[in-house]
Every structure is written in structure tokens, then in C-alpha cells.
N, C-alpha and C. Protein backbone atom coordinates (compact mmCIF):
# COMPACT_ATOMS: atom_id res chain seq x y z
N UNK A 1 -48.96 2.15 -28.61
CA UNK A 1 -48.96 3.93 -27.72
C UNK A 1 -47.40 4.19 -27.69
N UNK A 2 -47.33 5.33 -28.19
CA UNK A 2 -46.12 6.09 -28.22
C UNK A 2 -46.20 6.69 -26.82
N UNK A 3 -44.69 6.33 -26.37
CA UNK A 3 -44.45 7.03 -25.07
C UNK A 3 -43.95 8.64 -25.01
N UNK A 4 -44.23 8.82 -24.09
CA UNK A 4 -44.30 10.38 -23.69
C UNK A 4 -42.67 10.88 -23.57
N UNK A 5 -42.89 12.20 -23.46
CA UNK A 5 -41.15 12.79 -23.53
C UNK A 5 -40.66 12.34 -22.04
N UNK A 6 -41.45 12.21 -21.09
CA UNK A 6 -41.05 12.30 -19.62
C UNK A 6 -40.68 10.61 -19.49
N UNK A 7 -41.58 9.65 -20.45
CA UNK A 7 -40.58 8.48 -20.08
C UNK A 7 -39.91 8.39 -20.82
N UNK A 8 -39.43 8.96 -22.43
CA UNK A 8 -38.09 8.87 -23.20
C UNK A 8 -36.88 9.61 -22.15
N UNK A 9 -36.99 10.44 -21.58
CA UNK A 9 -36.19 11.28 -20.80
C UNK A 9 -35.75 10.30 -19.77
N UNK A 10 -36.72 9.60 -19.41
CA UNK A 10 -36.54 8.49 -17.91
C UNK A 10 -35.35 7.63 -18.23
N UNK A 11 -35.85 7.43 -19.55
CA UNK A 11 -34.78 6.02 -20.13
C UNK A 11 -33.62 6.45 -20.41
N UNK A 12 -33.23 7.68 -20.92
CA UNK A 12 -32.16 8.37 -21.11
C UNK A 12 -31.60 8.57 -19.90
N UNK A 13 -31.73 8.94 -18.95
CA UNK A 13 -31.13 9.35 -17.71
C UNK A 13 -31.14 8.11 -17.08
N UNK A 14 -31.82 6.78 -17.02
CA UNK A 14 -31.45 5.46 -17.01
C UNK A 14 -30.40 4.79 -17.18
N UNK A 15 -30.69 5.47 -18.87
CA UNK A 15 -29.35 4.51 -19.52
C UNK A 15 -27.76 5.41 -19.14
N UNK A 16 -28.11 6.65 -19.02
CA UNK A 16 -27.15 7.29 -18.48
C UNK A 16 -26.36 6.95 -16.69
N UNK A 17 -27.36 6.63 -16.49
CA UNK A 17 -26.86 6.97 -14.92
C UNK A 17 -26.03 5.16 -15.13
N UNK A 18 -26.84 4.29 -15.96
CA UNK A 18 -26.25 2.58 -15.96
C UNK A 18 -24.52 3.09 -16.38
N UNK A 19 -24.27 3.86 -17.70
CA UNK A 19 -23.08 3.74 -18.33
C UNK A 19 -22.43 4.47 -17.07
N UNK A 20 -22.73 5.26 -16.31
CA UNK A 20 -21.82 5.91 -15.67
C UNK A 20 -21.41 5.24 -14.42
N UNK A 21 -22.22 4.49 -13.83
CA UNK A 21 -21.70 3.41 -12.80
C UNK A 21 -20.91 2.28 -13.30
N UNK A 22 -20.98 2.15 -14.71
CA UNK A 22 -20.48 0.80 -15.06
C UNK A 22 -18.91 1.69 -15.34
N UNK A 23 -18.93 2.72 -15.79
CA UNK A 23 -17.37 3.34 -15.90
C UNK A 23 -17.01 3.48 -14.61
N UNK A 24 -17.43 3.82 -13.49
CA UNK A 24 -16.77 3.71 -12.39
C UNK A 24 -16.18 2.40 -11.89
N UNK A 25 -17.45 1.39 -12.17
CA UNK A 25 -16.91 -0.04 -11.86
C UNK A 25 -15.74 -0.50 -12.38
N UNK A 26 -15.64 0.15 -14.16
CA UNK A 26 -14.63 -0.07 -14.37
C UNK A 26 -13.01 0.74 -14.23
N UNK A 27 -13.23 1.58 -13.69
CA UNK A 27 -11.91 2.50 -12.93
C UNK A 27 -11.20 1.80 -11.83
N UNK A 28 -12.73 1.26 -11.17
CA UNK A 28 -12.75 0.63 -9.23
C UNK A 28 -11.30 -0.63 -10.02
N UNK A 29 -12.18 -1.71 -11.04
CA UNK A 29 -11.60 -2.84 -11.15
C UNK A 29 -9.99 -2.36 -11.71
N UNK A 30 -9.65 -1.82 -12.78
CA UNK A 30 -8.37 -1.39 -12.97
C UNK A 30 -7.68 -0.66 -12.03
N UNK A 31 -8.09 -0.03 -11.10
CA UNK A 31 -7.15 0.67 -9.83
C UNK A 31 -7.13 -0.82 -9.45
N UNK A 32 -8.06 -1.77 -8.79
CA UNK A 32 -7.64 -2.93 -8.34
C UNK A 32 -6.66 -3.99 -8.81
N UNK A 33 -6.57 -3.93 -9.65
CA UNK A 33 -5.83 -4.71 -10.78
C UNK A 33 -4.22 -4.31 -10.83
N UNK A 34 -4.11 -2.97 -10.93
CA UNK A 34 -2.86 -2.34 -10.54
C UNK A 34 -2.25 -2.11 -9.14
N UNK A 35 -3.21 -2.38 -7.73
CA UNK A 35 -2.34 -2.71 -7.01
C UNK A 35 -2.24 -4.64 -6.53
N UNK A 36 -3.11 -5.04 -6.93
CA UNK A 36 -2.73 -6.43 -7.08
C UNK A 36 -1.33 -7.07 -7.33
N UNK A 37 -1.05 -6.44 -9.12
CA UNK A 37 0.31 -6.35 -9.55
C UNK A 37 1.33 -6.42 -9.03
N UNK A 38 0.99 -4.70 -8.21
CA UNK A 38 2.21 -4.41 -7.38
C UNK A 38 2.33 -5.33 -6.06
N UNK A 39 1.48 -5.18 -5.52
CA UNK A 39 1.56 -6.58 -4.50
C UNK A 39 2.24 -7.88 -4.61
N UNK A 40 1.81 -8.30 -5.76
CA UNK A 40 2.87 -9.57 -6.16
C UNK A 40 4.13 -9.25 -6.49
N UNK A 41 4.69 -7.93 -7.12
CA UNK A 41 6.09 -8.05 -7.62
C UNK A 41 6.69 -7.76 -6.14
N UNK A 42 6.39 -6.74 -5.34
CA UNK A 42 6.95 -6.89 -4.17
C UNK A 42 6.88 -7.97 -3.33
N UNK A 43 5.93 -8.93 -3.35
CA UNK A 43 5.81 -10.22 -2.97
C UNK A 43 7.14 -10.71 -3.40
N UNK A 44 7.21 -11.19 -4.85
CA UNK A 44 8.05 -11.96 -5.63
C UNK A 44 9.86 -11.29 -4.99
N UNK A 45 9.76 -10.29 -5.58
CA UNK A 45 11.08 -9.45 -5.37
C UNK A 45 11.62 -9.33 -3.59
N UNK A 46 10.73 -9.32 -2.80
CA UNK A 46 10.97 -8.79 -1.75
C UNK A 46 11.04 -7.12 -1.63
N UNK A 47 11.11 -6.68 -0.12
CA UNK A 47 11.12 -5.50 -0.02
C UNK A 47 12.97 -4.96 0.01
N UNK A 48 13.13 -3.85 -0.43
CA UNK A 48 14.77 -3.49 -0.36
C UNK A 48 15.17 -2.43 0.93
N UNK A 49 16.01 -3.08 1.38
CA UNK A 49 16.35 -2.58 2.39
C UNK A 49 18.17 -2.43 2.73
N UNK A 50 18.39 -1.43 3.14
CA UNK A 50 19.93 -1.61 3.23
C UNK A 50 20.49 -1.04 4.67
N UNK A 51 21.91 -1.63 4.65
CA UNK A 51 22.79 -2.04 5.60
C UNK A 51 23.98 -0.87 5.22
N UNK A 52 23.98 0.00 6.25
CA UNK A 52 24.96 1.36 6.36
C UNK A 52 25.88 0.91 7.13
N UNK A 53 27.27 0.19 6.56
CA UNK A 53 28.12 0.31 7.35
C UNK A 53 29.47 0.49 7.80
N UNK A 54 30.11 1.64 9.05
CA UNK A 54 31.31 2.56 8.87
C UNK A 54 32.15 2.46 9.64
N UNK A 55 33.03 2.89 9.71
CA UNK A 55 34.30 3.02 10.68
C UNK A 55 33.42 4.17 11.56
N UNK A 56 34.10 4.09 13.15
CA UNK A 56 34.09 5.02 13.92
C UNK A 56 34.55 6.19 13.38
N UNK A 57 34.45 7.05 13.82
CA UNK A 57 35.05 8.92 13.46
C UNK A 57 36.57 8.50 14.32
N UNK A 58 37.38 9.80 14.10
CA UNK A 58 38.52 9.68 14.44
C UNK A 58 38.66 10.02 16.06
N UNK A 59 39.92 9.10 16.19
CA UNK A 59 39.97 9.12 18.08
C UNK A 59 40.66 10.40 18.44
N UNK A 60 40.31 10.59 19.42
CA UNK A 60 41.54 11.49 20.20
C UNK A 60 42.17 10.99 20.57
N UNK A 61 43.80 11.88 20.32
CA UNK A 61 44.97 11.56 20.75
C UNK A 61 44.83 11.79 22.37
N UNK A 62 45.23 10.86 22.83
CA UNK A 62 45.48 11.13 24.54
C UNK A 62 46.75 10.47 25.09
N UNK A 63 47.46 11.92 25.21
CA UNK A 63 48.89 11.99 26.14
C UNK A 63 48.35 12.01 27.30
N UNK A 64 49.40 11.50 28.06
CA UNK A 64 48.98 11.06 29.50
C UNK A 64 48.00 10.79 30.07
N UNK A 65 47.51 9.87 29.32
CA UNK A 65 46.40 9.56 29.79
C UNK A 65 46.38 8.18 30.22
N UNK A 66 45.11 7.42 31.39
CA UNK A 66 45.38 6.38 31.74
C UNK A 66 45.03 5.39 31.14
N UNK A 67 45.52 4.12 31.49
CA UNK A 67 45.49 2.91 30.60
C UNK A 67 43.96 2.58 29.69
N UNK A 68 43.24 3.12 30.92
CA UNK A 68 41.42 2.85 30.29
C UNK A 68 41.07 3.69 29.17
N UNK A 69 41.29 5.12 29.40
CA UNK A 69 41.18 6.38 28.02
C UNK A 69 42.17 5.79 26.92
N UNK A 70 43.29 5.45 27.02
CA UNK A 70 44.22 5.30 26.34
C UNK A 70 43.67 4.11 25.10
N UNK A 71 42.93 3.00 26.18
CA UNK A 71 42.80 1.72 25.17
C UNK A 71 40.85 1.99 24.70
N UNK A 72 40.28 3.29 25.73
CA UNK A 72 38.82 3.69 24.90
C UNK A 72 38.86 4.88 24.58
N UNK A 73 39.76 5.61 23.45
CA UNK A 73 39.37 7.08 23.48
C UNK A 73 38.28 7.74 23.33
N UNK A 74 37.78 8.76 23.29
CA UNK A 74 36.44 9.41 22.69
C UNK A 74 37.13 9.96 21.16
N UNK A 75 36.07 10.66 21.04
CA UNK A 75 36.30 11.00 19.36
C UNK A 75 36.64 12.21 19.35
N UNK A 76 37.59 12.98 18.74
CA UNK A 76 38.39 14.15 18.54
C UNK A 76 37.32 14.60 17.97
N UNK A 77 37.67 16.20 17.76
CA UNK A 77 36.92 17.70 16.93
C UNK A 77 36.40 17.15 15.72
N UNK A 78 37.44 16.30 14.65
CA UNK A 78 37.21 15.51 13.75
C UNK A 78 36.19 14.55 13.46
N UNK A 79 36.33 13.46 14.69
CA UNK A 79 35.69 12.65 14.69
C UNK A 79 33.87 12.73 15.05
N UNK A 80 33.67 13.74 15.89
CA UNK A 80 32.46 14.24 16.24
C UNK A 80 32.01 14.79 15.09
N UNK A 81 32.72 15.93 14.23
CA UNK A 81 32.41 16.14 12.84
C UNK A 81 32.21 15.31 12.19
N UNK A 82 32.61 14.13 12.21
CA UNK A 82 32.27 13.42 11.00
C UNK A 82 31.05 12.28 11.93
N UNK A 83 30.77 12.34 12.83
CA UNK A 83 29.63 11.51 13.14
C UNK A 83 28.35 12.87 12.95
N UNK A 84 28.55 13.95 12.71
CA UNK A 84 27.73 14.66 12.71
C UNK A 84 27.43 14.88 10.50
N UNK A 85 28.36 14.26 10.06
CA UNK A 85 28.36 14.62 8.44
C UNK A 85 27.54 12.85 8.06
N UNK A 86 27.65 11.67 9.13
CA UNK A 86 27.46 10.24 9.16
C UNK A 86 25.89 10.85 9.02
N UNK A 87 25.25 11.80 10.13
CA UNK A 87 23.63 11.94 10.21
C UNK A 87 23.40 12.54 9.03
N UNK A 88 23.91 13.67 8.54
CA UNK A 88 23.65 14.63 7.61
C UNK A 88 23.38 13.42 6.15
N UNK A 89 24.73 12.64 6.10
CA UNK A 89 24.20 11.41 5.03
C UNK A 89 23.02 10.63 5.07
N UNK A 90 22.97 10.13 6.17
CA UNK A 90 21.66 9.37 6.33
C UNK A 90 20.23 9.69 7.24
N UNK A 91 20.26 11.19 7.35
CA UNK A 91 18.91 11.62 8.19
C UNK A 91 17.72 11.48 6.79
N UNK A 92 17.82 11.06 5.69
CA UNK A 92 16.75 10.79 4.73
C UNK A 92 16.46 9.42 4.62
N UNK A 93 17.38 8.15 5.26
CA UNK A 93 17.23 7.00 4.87
C UNK A 93 16.56 6.24 5.60
N UNK A 94 15.41 6.44 6.62
CA UNK A 94 14.61 5.96 7.16
C UNK A 94 15.58 4.66 8.12
N UNK A 95 16.29 5.04 8.90
CA UNK A 95 17.30 3.88 9.61
C UNK A 95 16.43 3.59 10.58
N UNK A 96 16.18 2.01 11.08
CA UNK A 96 15.32 1.72 11.60
C UNK A 96 15.58 0.65 12.89
N UNK A 97 17.36 0.65 12.68
CA UNK A 97 18.15 0.08 13.68
C UNK A 97 19.39 1.01 13.86
N UNK A 98 20.13 0.43 14.85
CA UNK A 98 21.41 1.47 15.04
C UNK A 98 22.51 0.24 15.94
N UNK A 99 23.37 -0.04 15.29
CA UNK A 99 24.51 -1.06 16.09
C UNK A 99 25.58 -0.33 16.32
N UNK A 100 26.35 -0.90 17.33
CA UNK A 100 27.81 -0.25 17.76
C UNK A 100 28.04 -1.18 18.43
N UNK A 101 29.61 -1.05 18.51
CA UNK A 101 30.36 -1.98 19.75
C UNK A 101 30.18 -1.11 21.00
N UNK A 102 31.07 -1.83 21.87
CA UNK A 102 30.57 -0.88 22.93
C UNK A 102 31.41 0.12 23.27
N UNK A 103 32.73 0.67 22.51
CA UNK A 103 33.84 1.52 22.66
C UNK A 103 32.78 2.74 22.51
N UNK A 104 33.74 3.64 23.08
CA UNK A 104 33.08 5.40 23.86
C UNK A 104 33.23 5.61 22.14
N UNK A 105 33.67 5.78 21.33
CA UNK A 105 33.99 6.36 19.93
C UNK A 105 33.21 5.62 19.00
N UNK A 106 32.90 4.34 18.93
CA UNK A 106 32.01 3.71 18.16
C UNK A 106 30.20 4.41 18.59
N UNK A 107 29.93 4.36 19.92
CA UNK A 107 28.88 4.93 19.93
C UNK A 107 28.69 6.20 19.70
N UNK A 108 29.57 6.95 20.06
CA UNK A 108 29.56 8.55 19.66
C UNK A 108 29.64 8.61 18.27
N UNK A 109 30.14 7.95 17.45
CA UNK A 109 29.77 7.89 16.29
C UNK A 109 28.85 7.63 15.83
N UNK A 110 27.75 6.57 16.30
CA UNK A 110 26.47 6.48 15.82
C UNK A 110 25.34 7.24 16.42
N UNK A 111 25.74 7.79 17.79
CA UNK A 111 24.87 8.57 18.67
C UNK A 111 23.92 9.74 17.99
N UNK A 112 24.23 10.38 16.89
CA UNK A 112 23.36 11.37 15.94
C UNK A 112 22.14 10.83 15.32
N UNK A 113 23.00 9.77 14.54
CA UNK A 113 21.95 9.12 13.58
C UNK A 113 20.81 8.55 14.71
N UNK A 114 21.38 7.77 15.94
CA UNK A 114 20.17 7.22 17.19
C UNK A 114 19.40 8.15 17.02
N UNK A 115 19.83 9.40 17.66
CA UNK A 115 18.91 10.11 18.25
C UNK A 115 18.24 10.97 17.40
N UNK A 116 18.50 10.96 16.29
CA UNK A 116 17.61 11.45 14.72
C UNK A 116 16.41 10.98 14.63
N UNK A 117 16.60 9.57 14.90
CA UNK A 117 15.77 8.24 14.90
C UNK A 117 15.14 8.05 15.93
N UNK A 118 15.37 8.17 17.16
CA UNK A 118 14.54 8.42 18.53
C UNK A 118 14.98 6.62 18.26
N UNK A 119 16.09 6.27 18.11
CA UNK A 119 16.57 4.59 18.44
C UNK A 119 17.49 4.35 19.46
N UNK A 120 17.33 3.55 19.84
CA UNK A 120 18.60 2.87 20.89
C UNK A 120 19.77 2.68 20.35
N UNK A 121 20.58 2.44 20.97
CA UNK A 121 22.08 1.95 20.03
C UNK A 121 21.98 0.70 20.83
N UNK A 122 22.14 -0.35 19.85
CA UNK A 122 22.28 -1.88 20.12
C UNK A 122 23.59 -2.31 20.39
N UNK A 123 24.33 -2.85 21.30
CA UNK A 123 25.54 -3.12 21.25
C UNK A 123 25.70 -4.43 20.71
N UNK A 124 26.74 -4.74 19.97
CA UNK A 124 27.59 -5.88 19.77
C UNK A 124 28.97 -6.34 20.09
N UNK A 125 29.19 -7.31 20.53
CA UNK A 125 30.60 -7.76 20.91
C UNK A 125 31.34 -8.16 19.74
N UNK A 126 31.03 -8.76 18.77
CA UNK A 126 31.88 -9.65 17.82
C UNK A 126 31.04 -9.66 16.68
N UNK A 127 31.90 -9.76 15.29
CA UNK A 127 31.26 -10.19 14.03
C UNK A 127 31.28 -11.60 14.14
N UNK A 128 30.54 -12.53 14.33
CA UNK A 128 30.21 -13.88 14.62
C UNK A 128 28.93 -14.33 13.78
N UNK A 129 28.99 -15.66 13.48
CA UNK A 129 27.81 -15.97 13.11
C UNK A 129 26.30 -15.76 13.31
N UNK A 130 26.38 -15.33 14.82
CA UNK A 130 24.73 -15.03 15.16
C UNK A 130 24.48 -13.77 15.02
N UNK A 131 25.69 -12.50 15.27
CA UNK A 131 25.37 -11.40 14.83
C UNK A 131 24.86 -11.45 13.24
N UNK A 132 25.66 -11.97 12.43
CA UNK A 132 25.28 -11.75 10.93
C UNK A 132 23.74 -12.26 10.82
N UNK A 133 23.56 -13.20 11.34
CA UNK A 133 22.59 -13.79 11.13
C UNK A 133 21.20 -13.01 11.62
N UNK A 134 21.69 -12.32 12.61
CA UNK A 134 20.63 -11.18 13.26
C UNK A 134 20.56 -10.21 12.17
N UNK A 135 21.40 -9.32 11.99
CA UNK A 135 21.30 -8.25 11.07
C UNK A 135 20.76 -8.92 9.40
N UNK A 136 21.10 -10.14 9.36
CA UNK A 136 20.17 -10.33 7.85
C UNK A 136 18.85 -10.33 8.31
N UNK A 137 18.48 -10.89 9.60
CA UNK A 137 16.94 -10.86 9.76
C UNK A 137 16.29 -9.67 10.09
N UNK A 138 16.52 -8.68 9.85
CA UNK A 138 16.10 -7.57 10.18
C UNK A 138 15.64 -6.95 8.65
N UNK A 139 14.27 -6.33 8.63
CA UNK A 139 13.85 -5.77 7.65
C UNK A 139 13.65 -4.30 7.18
N UNK A 140 14.56 -3.52 8.27
CA UNK A 140 14.83 -2.12 8.34
C UNK A 140 16.05 -1.84 7.63
N UNK A 141 16.18 -0.42 7.39
CA UNK A 141 17.23 0.05 6.93
C UNK A 141 18.46 0.51 8.69
N UNK A 142 19.52 -0.59 8.34
CA UNK A 142 20.34 -0.67 9.60
C UNK A 142 21.63 0.57 9.70
N UNK A 143 21.83 0.86 10.55
CA UNK A 143 23.74 1.84 10.62
C UNK A 143 24.38 0.70 11.31
N UNK A 144 25.66 0.20 10.94
CA UNK A 144 26.42 -0.75 11.88
C UNK A 144 27.73 0.22 11.87
N UNK A 145 28.37 0.52 13.39
CA UNK A 145 29.03 1.31 12.98
C UNK A 145 30.59 0.17 13.82
N UNK A 146 31.49 0.34 13.19
CA UNK A 146 32.69 -0.70 13.67
C UNK A 146 33.94 -0.21 13.80
N UNK A 147 34.68 -1.02 13.60
CA UNK A 147 36.48 -0.35 13.48
C UNK A 147 37.02 -1.29 11.97
N UNK A 148 37.92 -0.59 12.16
CA UNK A 148 39.29 -0.79 11.14
C UNK A 148 39.39 -1.97 10.74
N UNK A 149 39.49 -2.87 11.79
CA UNK A 149 39.22 -4.57 11.64
C UNK A 149 38.25 -5.37 11.70
N UNK A 150 37.06 -4.58 11.69
CA UNK A 150 35.62 -5.43 11.90
C UNK A 150 34.90 -4.85 10.73
N UNK A 151 34.91 -3.92 10.01
CA UNK A 151 34.04 -3.67 8.80
C UNK A 151 34.11 -4.44 7.91
N UNK A 152 35.48 -4.83 7.59
CA UNK A 152 35.20 -5.59 5.98
C UNK A 152 34.77 -7.27 6.67
N UNK A 153 34.50 -7.62 7.99
CA UNK A 153 34.20 -8.57 8.16
C UNK A 153 32.55 -8.73 8.36
N UNK A 154 31.94 -7.23 8.39
CA UNK A 154 30.74 -7.32 8.51
C UNK A 154 30.30 -7.18 6.89
N UNK A 155 30.51 -6.46 6.39
CA UNK A 155 30.63 -6.56 4.66
C UNK A 155 30.63 -7.74 4.03
N UNK A 156 31.76 -8.52 4.46
CA UNK A 156 32.30 -10.06 3.35
C UNK A 156 31.10 -10.79 4.20
N UNK A 157 30.75 -10.54 5.16
CA UNK A 157 29.56 -11.66 5.93
C UNK A 157 28.59 -11.78 5.17
N UNK A 158 27.70 -10.32 5.24
CA UNK A 158 26.74 -10.24 4.13
C UNK A 158 26.55 -10.21 2.87
N UNK A 159 27.99 -9.94 2.15
CA UNK A 159 27.83 -9.58 0.76
C UNK A 159 28.26 -11.05 0.01
N UNK A 160 27.89 -12.06 -0.14
CA UNK A 160 28.47 -13.37 -0.97
C UNK A 160 29.60 -13.09 -2.00
N UNK A 161 30.74 -13.28 -1.77
CA UNK A 161 31.77 -12.76 -2.78
C UNK A 161 32.73 -11.56 -2.29
N UNK A 162 32.25 -11.22 -1.51
CA UNK A 162 33.16 -9.61 -1.12
C UNK A 162 34.31 -9.75 -0.53
N UNK A 163 35.37 -9.34 -0.72
CA UNK A 163 36.88 -9.49 -0.64
C UNK A 163 37.30 -8.37 0.18
N UNK A 164 36.49 -7.28 1.10
CA UNK A 164 37.55 -6.55 1.60
C UNK A 164 38.22 -7.04 2.52
N UNK A 165 39.50 -6.13 2.94
CA UNK A 165 40.51 -6.54 4.29
C UNK A 165 40.27 -5.38 4.59
N UNK A 166 40.92 -5.24 6.03
CA UNK A 166 40.83 -4.54 6.89
C UNK A 166 41.27 -2.80 6.40
N UNK A 167 40.72 -1.86 7.06
CA UNK A 167 40.56 -0.59 6.57
C UNK A 167 41.81 0.21 7.14
N UNK A 168 42.72 0.95 6.54
CA UNK A 168 44.10 1.61 6.62
C UNK A 168 43.78 1.91 7.83
N UNK A 169 44.82 2.25 8.78
CA UNK A 169 44.23 3.08 10.23
C UNK A 169 44.36 4.11 10.01
N UNK A 170 44.30 5.19 8.92
CA UNK A 170 44.28 6.41 8.62
C UNK A 170 42.57 6.92 7.97
N UNK A 171 42.12 5.80 7.68
CA UNK A 171 40.47 5.67 6.82
C UNK A 171 39.97 5.83 7.47
N UNK A 172 38.78 6.57 7.52
CA UNK A 172 37.86 7.00 8.53
C UNK A 172 36.56 7.43 7.46
N UNK A 173 36.71 8.04 5.96
CA UNK A 173 35.54 8.21 5.63
C UNK A 173 34.96 7.61 4.68
N UNK A 174 35.10 5.93 4.93
CA UNK A 174 34.25 5.09 3.96
C UNK A 174 32.66 5.08 4.42
N UNK A 175 31.97 4.52 3.56
CA UNK A 175 30.58 4.05 3.33
C UNK A 175 30.41 3.13 2.85
N UNK A 176 29.86 2.00 3.22
CA UNK A 176 29.85 0.65 2.58
C UNK A 176 28.35 0.50 3.17
N UNK A 177 27.37 0.57 1.56
CA UNK A 177 26.15 0.41 1.70
C UNK A 177 25.67 -1.31 1.17
N UNK A 178 25.33 -1.79 1.77
CA UNK A 178 24.67 -3.27 1.33
C UNK A 178 23.37 -3.20 1.27
N UNK A 179 22.97 -3.40 -0.15
CA UNK A 179 21.58 -2.77 -0.73
C UNK A 179 21.09 -4.48 -0.69
N UNK A 180 20.11 -4.96 0.60
CA UNK A 180 19.37 -6.31 0.04
C UNK A 180 18.20 -6.27 -0.34
N UNK A 181 17.74 -6.95 -1.54
CA UNK A 181 16.43 -7.19 -2.40
C UNK A 181 16.31 -8.69 -2.22
N UNK A 182 15.11 -9.30 -1.35
CA UNK A 182 15.08 -10.23 -1.40
C UNK A 182 16.25 -11.33 -0.67
N UNK A 183 16.68 -12.19 -1.61
CA UNK A 183 18.00 -13.01 -0.99
C UNK A 183 19.16 -12.50 -1.95
N UNK A 184 18.88 -11.15 -2.86
CA UNK A 184 20.33 -10.94 -3.73
C UNK A 184 20.93 -9.61 -2.36
N UNK A 185 21.96 -9.56 -2.35
CA UNK A 185 22.63 -8.71 -1.76
C UNK A 185 24.04 -7.83 -3.15
N UNK A 186 23.50 -6.21 -2.69
CA UNK A 186 24.25 -5.77 -3.95
C UNK A 186 25.63 -4.82 -2.89
N UNK A 187 26.76 -4.44 -2.99
CA UNK A 187 27.55 -3.86 -2.24
C UNK A 187 27.89 -2.41 -2.80
N UNK A 188 27.61 -1.17 -2.19
CA UNK A 188 28.13 -0.11 -2.91
C UNK A 188 29.17 0.79 -1.86
N UNK A 189 30.01 1.08 -2.30
CA UNK A 189 31.45 1.87 -1.67
C UNK A 189 30.96 3.55 -1.82
N UNK A 190 31.03 4.12 -1.14
CA UNK A 190 30.64 5.47 -1.29
C UNK A 190 31.56 6.25 0.14
N UNK A 191 31.73 7.62 -0.03
CA UNK A 191 32.34 8.23 0.94
C UNK A 191 31.76 9.28 2.10
N UNK A 192 31.93 9.84 3.06
CA UNK A 192 31.19 10.65 3.42
C UNK A 192 32.01 11.60 4.70
N UNK A 193 31.80 13.24 4.68
CA UNK A 193 32.33 13.89 5.36
C UNK A 193 33.46 14.12 4.93
N UNK A 194 34.46 15.02 5.74
CA UNK A 194 35.80 14.96 5.32
C UNK A 194 36.52 14.19 4.59
N UNK A 195 37.19 14.20 3.56
CA UNK A 195 38.31 12.96 2.96
C UNK A 195 39.02 12.82 4.16
N UNK A 196 39.42 11.43 3.81
CA UNK A 196 40.72 10.96 5.15
C UNK A 196 41.99 10.91 4.81
N UNK A 197 42.85 11.10 5.66
CA UNK A 197 44.36 11.52 4.68
C UNK A 197 45.00 10.20 4.13
């Protein structure tokens, strides 16, 4: 018995629907396999995050100041401008944590970035093994504000083989970026804001 036209069209429709479903399944499998490969690459290489390390901005010259103000001066106008330039440089970097020493000038340098990202400024006293281990364990992008004689200690402590020395007293525009991927560290040296003298 010969199949009717309706039966033929039903078979054609079923074959077409089967092919369409098979194609959808193939596309889904292909997308999932790409996601699995991407996840494996991320797991193997580790996520990349960065440490942004700077010295505080220019400090105010304090004539006839009391001993406390002379020891812990605020930022000058140029220093405040530098803090804003730092914000301009880091505003798209998804900073997750901000560290500063306890001085007025380092906290004032860090404050615009901390405020922009809604973060507290975490204070540190000295660059020692405990502090370096703490920042190494962070999986966010981090801003660390220090001093002319501590920036090199932070960079050297993070990057195996780095041999920075204390920054010149007149140098304020250095931005050291330590890029971390898994257990590998890469040092990038840039400048930001107005050039230092």
C-alpha cells in the first residue's frame, strides 16, 4: 500500500524536526566544550591580578609647624593633584583593596581611589614577611601607597629577582605594577601625573 501525501509530509516534518534538534544539541555541546576548555585554562594558569605600588604625593612644606605636623605633613596642592591623577589612572582597574601607612600624606594619596571603589583604607605599619604574605594571598587588584624608602621593599618582596633601591626624595610620579598570574610575577614600571623634578 502506497503512503498518502499526508503520511509522506509527516515523515518529512519529523525528519526535519529530528535534524533541527540534532543541530541544536550539537551547538549546545560545542558551546559547553568551549566553556570547559576556558575553565581549564583559567584553572591551570590562574587568574591575573595586579598590585599598584606608589609613593605618596608631594608633601606640604611646613614652616613654623609644630613637631607633629613637621613629622607627618599633609599633601601639598601638587600632592593632591597627584592623588587625583592616580585615581584617573586606576579608575578602570577594578581595585579591590587599598593599603596605606598611617601617615596623613599616604592616606590622602590613597583616599580618592578608595572612595571611588567604595573601599576602606587598610593601614600597615611596616613591610615585613607578614605584610607581604598578606598581600600575596589577595586575589583582587590592590593599591599600596608607601614611602620613598618602602616602595622598593614592597616591589622586591613581591617580585623574585627585583632589585629596586630607595626612590629619590624628589621622585613622586613612579607607578610600579606587579602583574601576577598564578605563581609568576611581572614588574612593569610606569609614570603617572605631572613629571617629578
